[in-house]
Protein backbone atom coordinates (compact mmCIF):
# COMPACT_ATOMS: atom_id res chain seq x y z
CA MET A 1 -16.50 -5.87 15.46
CA THR A 2 -17.60 -5.00 12.43
CA GLU A 3 -17.19 -7.40 9.56
CA PRO A 4 -14.43 -6.21 6.60
CA VAL A 5 -16.29 -7.91 3.74
CA LEU A 6 -20.15 -7.76 4.06
CA VAL A 7 -21.93 -10.70 2.39
CA GLU A 8 -25.38 -10.34 0.89
CA LYS A 9 -27.05 -13.01 -1.23
CA SER A 10 -30.62 -12.38 -2.63
CA ASN A 11 -32.19 -12.91 -6.13
CA GLN A 12 -29.46 -14.69 -7.51
CA LEU A 13 -27.12 -12.31 -6.61
CA LEU A 14 -23.84 -12.66 -4.30
CA VAL A 15 -23.49 -8.98 -3.11
CA LEU A 16 -19.31 -8.72 -1.93
CA THR A 17 -18.93 -5.12 -0.37
CA LEU A 18 -16.23 -3.99 1.32
CA ASN A 19 -16.52 -2.23 4.85
CA ARG A 20 -13.40 -0.64 5.86
CA PRO A 21 -14.17 2.45 5.44
CA GLU A 22 -12.18 3.91 8.45
CA LYS A 23 -9.30 2.60 6.71
CA LYS A 24 -10.18 3.53 2.68
CA ASN A 25 -11.27 0.10 2.48
CA ALA A 26 -7.94 -1.18 2.54
CA LEU A 27 -7.30 -4.70 1.54
CA THR A 28 -5.98 -6.93 4.19
CA ARG A 29 -4.99 -10.69 3.70
CA GLY A 30 -8.00 -11.49 5.81
CA MET A 31 -10.53 -9.43 3.10
CA TYR A 32 -8.82 -11.29 0.26
CA GLN A 33 -9.42 -14.78 2.02
CA THR A 34 -13.10 -13.87 2.83
CA LEU A 35 -13.60 -12.62 -0.97
CA ALA A 36 -11.61 -15.59 -2.57
CA THR A 37 -13.88 -17.84 -0.25
CA GLN A 38 -17.11 -16.62 -1.58
CA ILE A 39 -16.17 -16.46 -5.68
CA ASN A 40 -15.00 -19.83 -5.55
CA ASP A 41 -18.16 -21.00 -3.57
CA ALA A 42 -20.21 -19.30 -5.42
CA THR A 43 -18.90 -21.87 -8.36
CA SER A 44 -21.12 -24.60 -7.94
CA ASP A 45 -23.86 -22.51 -5.72
CA ALA A 46 -26.65 -22.64 -8.08
CA GLU A 47 -28.27 -19.69 -6.33
CA VAL A 48 -25.76 -17.08 -7.20
CA ARG A 49 -25.90 -16.30 -10.87
CA CYS A 50 -23.59 -12.91 -10.67
CA ILE A 51 -21.44 -11.14 -8.48
CA LEU A 52 -21.55 -7.88 -7.62
CA LEU A 53 -18.79 -6.22 -6.17
CA GLN A 54 -19.21 -2.51 -3.84
CA ALA A 55 -17.77 -0.63 -0.80
CA ASN A 56 -18.80 1.49 1.84
CA GLY A 57 -17.66 4.90 2.48
CA ASP A 58 -16.52 7.65 -0.11
CA MET A 59 -13.53 5.22 -1.88
CA PHE A 60 -13.84 2.20 -3.40
CA THR A 61 -10.34 0.76 -1.94
CA ALA A 62 -7.21 2.50 -1.34
CA GLY A 63 -5.92 -1.09 -2.47
CA ASN A 64 -3.37 -3.49 -0.57
CA ASP A 65 -2.69 -2.41 3.04
CA LEU A 66 0.69 -1.16 3.21
CA ALA A 67 1.79 -3.15 6.23
CA ASP A 68 0.78 -6.32 4.94
CA PHE A 69 3.51 -5.33 2.07
CA ALA A 70 5.92 -4.35 5.19
CA ALA A 71 5.73 -7.16 6.54
CA VAL A 72 7.07 -9.35 3.40
CA ASN A 73 9.14 -6.60 2.87
CA SER A 74 10.41 -7.24 6.71
CA GLY A 75 10.60 -10.72 5.86
CA SER A 76 7.97 -11.35 8.82
CA VAL A 77 5.74 -13.54 6.39
CA PRO A 78 6.71 -17.04 5.79
CA ARG A 79 6.71 -17.51 2.09
CA GLN A 80 3.78 -20.07 1.62
CA ASN A 81 1.13 -17.23 2.66
CA GLU A 82 2.40 -14.60 0.24
CA GLU A 83 0.42 -15.48 -2.72
CA ASN A 84 -2.89 -14.05 -3.10
CA PRO A 85 -5.98 -15.80 -3.31
CA PHE A 86 -8.15 -13.15 -4.19
CA LEU A 87 -6.23 -12.75 -7.28
CA ALA A 88 -6.26 -16.42 -8.18
CA ALA A 89 -10.44 -16.36 -7.64
CA LEU A 90 -10.49 -13.61 -10.31
CA GLY A 91 -8.90 -15.41 -12.95
CA ALA A 92 -10.77 -18.53 -11.89
CA ALA A 93 -13.77 -17.03 -11.96
CA ARG A 94 -16.79 -18.58 -13.95
CA LYS A 95 -19.85 -16.44 -12.51
CA PRO A 96 -20.06 -13.12 -14.11
CA LEU A 97 -18.86 -10.26 -11.87
CA VAL A 98 -20.32 -6.56 -11.89
CA ALA A 99 -18.13 -3.48 -10.08
CA ALA A 100 -19.97 -0.90 -8.92
CA VAL A 101 -17.00 1.74 -7.83
CA ASN A 102 -17.24 4.97 -5.81
CA GLY A 103 -14.17 7.25 -5.45
CA ARG A 104 -11.02 6.19 -5.60
CA ALA A 105 -9.85 2.49 -6.73
CA VAL A 106 -6.07 2.28 -6.55
CA GLY A 107 -3.94 -0.69 -7.03
CA VAL A 108 -5.79 -3.90 -7.09
CA GLY A 109 -8.70 -1.63 -6.52
CA PHE A 110 -8.16 -0.85 -10.21
CA THR A 111 -6.91 -4.14 -11.51
CA MET A 112 -9.73 -6.31 -10.45
CA LEU A 113 -11.97 -4.02 -12.50
CA LEU A 114 -10.32 -6.14 -15.37
CA HIS A 115 -11.64 -8.85 -14.41
CA CYS A 116 -15.40 -7.74 -14.03
CA ASP A 117 -17.23 -8.44 -16.96
CA MET A 118 -19.32 -4.64 -16.19
CA VAL A 119 -17.87 -2.19 -14.16
CA PHE A 120 -20.00 1.15 -13.04
CA LEU A 121 -18.37 4.32 -11.92
CA SER A 122 -19.39 7.18 -10.36
CA GLU A 123 -18.71 10.53 -11.87
CA ASP A 124 -15.92 11.14 -9.52
CA ALA A 125 -14.19 7.72 -9.73
CA ALA A 126 -10.57 7.80 -10.18
CA LEU A 127 -8.40 4.56 -11.12
CA THR A 128 -4.96 4.93 -10.00
CA ALA A 129 -2.31 2.29 -10.43
CA PRO A 130 0.54 3.66 -8.61
CA PHE A 131 2.66 -0.27 -8.82
CA VAL A 132 6.07 1.89 -9.62
CA ASN A 133 5.65 4.46 -7.43
CA LEU A 134 6.23 1.90 -4.76
CA ALA A 135 8.77 0.08 -6.79
CA LEU A 136 6.35 -2.72 -7.59
CA VAL A 137 5.30 -4.15 -10.54
CA PRO A 138 1.69 -4.41 -11.47
CA GLU A 139 -0.38 -7.79 -10.31
CA ALA A 140 -3.62 -9.80 -11.03
CA ALA A 141 -2.52 -10.50 -14.69
CA SER A 142 -2.99 -6.64 -15.35
CA SER A 143 0.41 -6.19 -16.84
CA MET A 144 -1.36 -8.19 -19.85
CA LEU A 145 -4.79 -7.06 -19.80
CA LEU A 146 -4.89 -3.71 -19.44
CA PRO A 147 -2.92 -2.91 -22.46
CA LEU A 148 -5.03 -5.47 -24.45
CA ARG A 149 -7.84 -2.97 -23.15
CA ILE A 150 -6.07 0.22 -23.92
CA GLY A 151 -3.30 -0.38 -25.82
CA HIS A 152 0.63 -0.20 -24.80
CA VAL A 153 1.36 3.22 -24.61
CA ARG A 154 -1.61 4.41 -21.93
CA ALA A 155 -1.02 0.98 -20.18
CA PHE A 156 2.44 1.81 -20.09
CA GLU A 157 1.78 5.29 -18.75
CA THR A 158 -0.75 4.21 -16.05
CA PHE A 159 1.42 1.89 -14.43
CA VAL A 160 4.93 3.70 -14.62
CA LEU A 161 3.83 7.38 -13.81
CA GLY A 162 0.48 6.33 -11.61
CA GLU A 163 -1.34 9.33 -12.58
CA PRO A 164 -5.04 8.55 -12.44
CA VAL A 165 -7.43 7.67 -14.90
CA LEU A 166 -11.01 9.72 -14.38
CA ALA A 167 -14.14 8.11 -14.48
CA THR A 168 -14.76 9.48 -18.36
CA LYS A 169 -11.45 8.36 -19.47
CA ALA A 170 -12.08 5.04 -17.86
CA VAL A 171 -15.36 4.76 -19.96
CA ASP A 172 -13.50 6.25 -23.34
CA TRP A 173 -10.98 3.35 -22.80
CA GLY A 174 -13.27 0.95 -22.46
CA ILE A 175 -12.19 0.28 -18.72
CA ALA A 176 -15.81 0.62 -17.91
CA ASN A 177 -19.64 0.76 -19.33
CA ARG A 178 -20.84 3.98 -17.97
CA ALA A 179 -19.82 6.65 -15.25
CA VAL A 180 -23.10 7.73 -13.36
CA PRO A 181 -23.70 9.83 -10.63
CA PRO A 182 -22.67 8.83 -7.09
CA ALA A 183 -26.33 8.75 -5.75
CA GLU A 184 -27.31 6.07 -8.69
CA LEU A 185 -24.09 4.10 -8.34
CA ARG A 186 -25.65 0.77 -6.52
CA LYS A 187 -29.02 1.04 -8.20
CA VAL A 188 -27.51 1.69 -11.82
CA ALA A 189 -25.39 -1.71 -11.26
CA ARG A 190 -27.25 -3.85 -9.22
CA ALA A 191 -30.02 -3.50 -12.26
CA ALA A 192 -27.10 -4.97 -14.39
CA ALA A 193 -26.49 -7.64 -12.05
CA LEU A 194 -30.04 -8.91 -11.93
CA ALA A 195 -30.22 -8.49 -15.89
CA ILE A 196 -27.21 -10.60 -15.92
CA ALA A 197 -29.14 -13.12 -13.49
CA SER A 198 -31.97 -13.27 -15.59
CA ARG A 199 -30.36 -14.71 -18.49
CA ALA A 200 -30.08 -18.43 -19.61
CA PRO A 201 -27.41 -19.29 -17.15
CA SER A 202 -25.14 -21.85 -19.00
CA SER A 203 -25.58 -20.00 -22.20
CA VAL A 204 -23.83 -16.61 -19.99
CA ALA A 205 -21.38 -19.02 -18.64
CA ALA A 206 -19.93 -20.27 -21.45
CA THR A 207 -19.90 -16.64 -23.07
CA LYS A 208 -18.06 -15.54 -19.94
CA ARG A 209 -15.53 -18.59 -20.69
CA LEU A 210 -14.97 -18.12 -24.28
CA LEU A 211 -14.04 -14.14 -23.28
CA ARG A 212 -11.33 -15.37 -21.28
CA ASP A 213 -8.12 -17.13 -22.03
CA GLU A 214 -8.01 -18.46 -18.29
CA THR A 215 -4.50 -20.11 -19.24
CA ALA A 216 -2.82 -17.27 -20.00
CA LEU A 217 -4.26 -15.59 -16.87
CA ARG A 218 -2.86 -18.17 -14.49
CA GLU A 219 0.49 -17.83 -16.20
CA ARG A 220 0.79 -13.96 -16.47
CA MET A 221 -0.54 -14.10 -12.79
CA SER A 222 2.46 -16.37 -11.94
CA MET A 223 5.08 -14.38 -13.60
CA GLU A 224 3.57 -11.20 -11.82
CA GLN A 225 3.95 -12.78 -8.62
CA GLU A 226 7.86 -13.74 -9.36
CA TYR A 227 8.34 -10.02 -9.60
CA PHE A 228 6.53 -8.52 -7.23
CA MET A 229 7.94 -10.85 -4.41
CA ARG A 230 11.33 -10.06 -5.87
CA GLN A 231 10.50 -5.91 -5.47
CA LEU A 232 8.81 -7.02 -2.28
CA ARG A 233 11.91 -7.37 -0.70
CA SER A 234 14.21 -5.02 -2.80
CA PRO A 235 15.98 -2.10 -0.99
CA GLU A 236 13.89 0.09 -3.83
CA PHE A 237 10.66 -0.90 -2.24
CA THR A 238 12.31 -0.31 1.37
CA GLU A 239 12.76 3.24 0.45
CA ALA A 240 9.10 3.67 -1.30
CA ILE A 241 7.52 2.48 2.31
CA THR A 242 9.99 4.82 4.15
CA ALA A 243 9.42 7.74 2.06
CA PHE A 244 5.67 6.87 2.51
CA SER A 245 5.13 6.86 6.19
CA GLU A 246 8.12 9.67 6.44
CA ARG A 247 5.59 11.78 3.91
CA ARG A 248 8.39 12.49 1.33
CA GLY A 249 8.84 11.98 -2.25
CA ALA A 250 10.95 8.24 -2.38
CA ASP A 251 14.57 9.12 -3.91
CA PHE A 252 15.41 6.45 -6.47
CA SER A 253 18.70 8.08 -7.48
CA LYS A 254 20.85 6.08 -5.97
CA PHE A 255 19.59 2.89 -7.36
CA LYS A 256 20.67 1.33 -10.88
């Protein structure tokens, strides 16, 4: 059976590759746990100086596997299993994170990039945060990080209308460093990760910590989690997931 997350360690890099292309790299609870474990373990691994995130297939990720969301909505997932360990790992990450984003990045595929220290996009990339379209709310502290990056009105439009942010705009807005031809994406991102790994490690680590407010990230993630789980159990989400399965638009007109 093919592993849904490939792990490679070489040249002081930890390379984590999403490898579920037949499902558009939709992230399952098992994949989240693998990613979290690898990022957390890298903290104490002197052989890892930078982490590179990438994906196989024609798409970075379709976001969370909706089957997992539906399971929470139906009540079949115990409450103690609701928290996403990957989000916590991103917020607490000590080693620099570099992302190589090919094609579309949806939901957490977009919001995880706000925790990355360098982001490279293929020129055909599109970032989408369709949380409100699914009757949900932003996560991964993105309700704090995205407005800080691009301003309130742009962040509100991105979250509430759910329209894609194309590669050129993402660079202009400061979400990504560069957009490059798809064939060059991995080469450019790996070169950047290797350049980071070649710098003084304690200086890099201290700089990363100074650029982030880890306490604020934890607090915002906790607040988002409360709202997110409330919405996952809501009649609005039931309508959204039913509409998705029936391939129709959701009708929220009856809700107050």
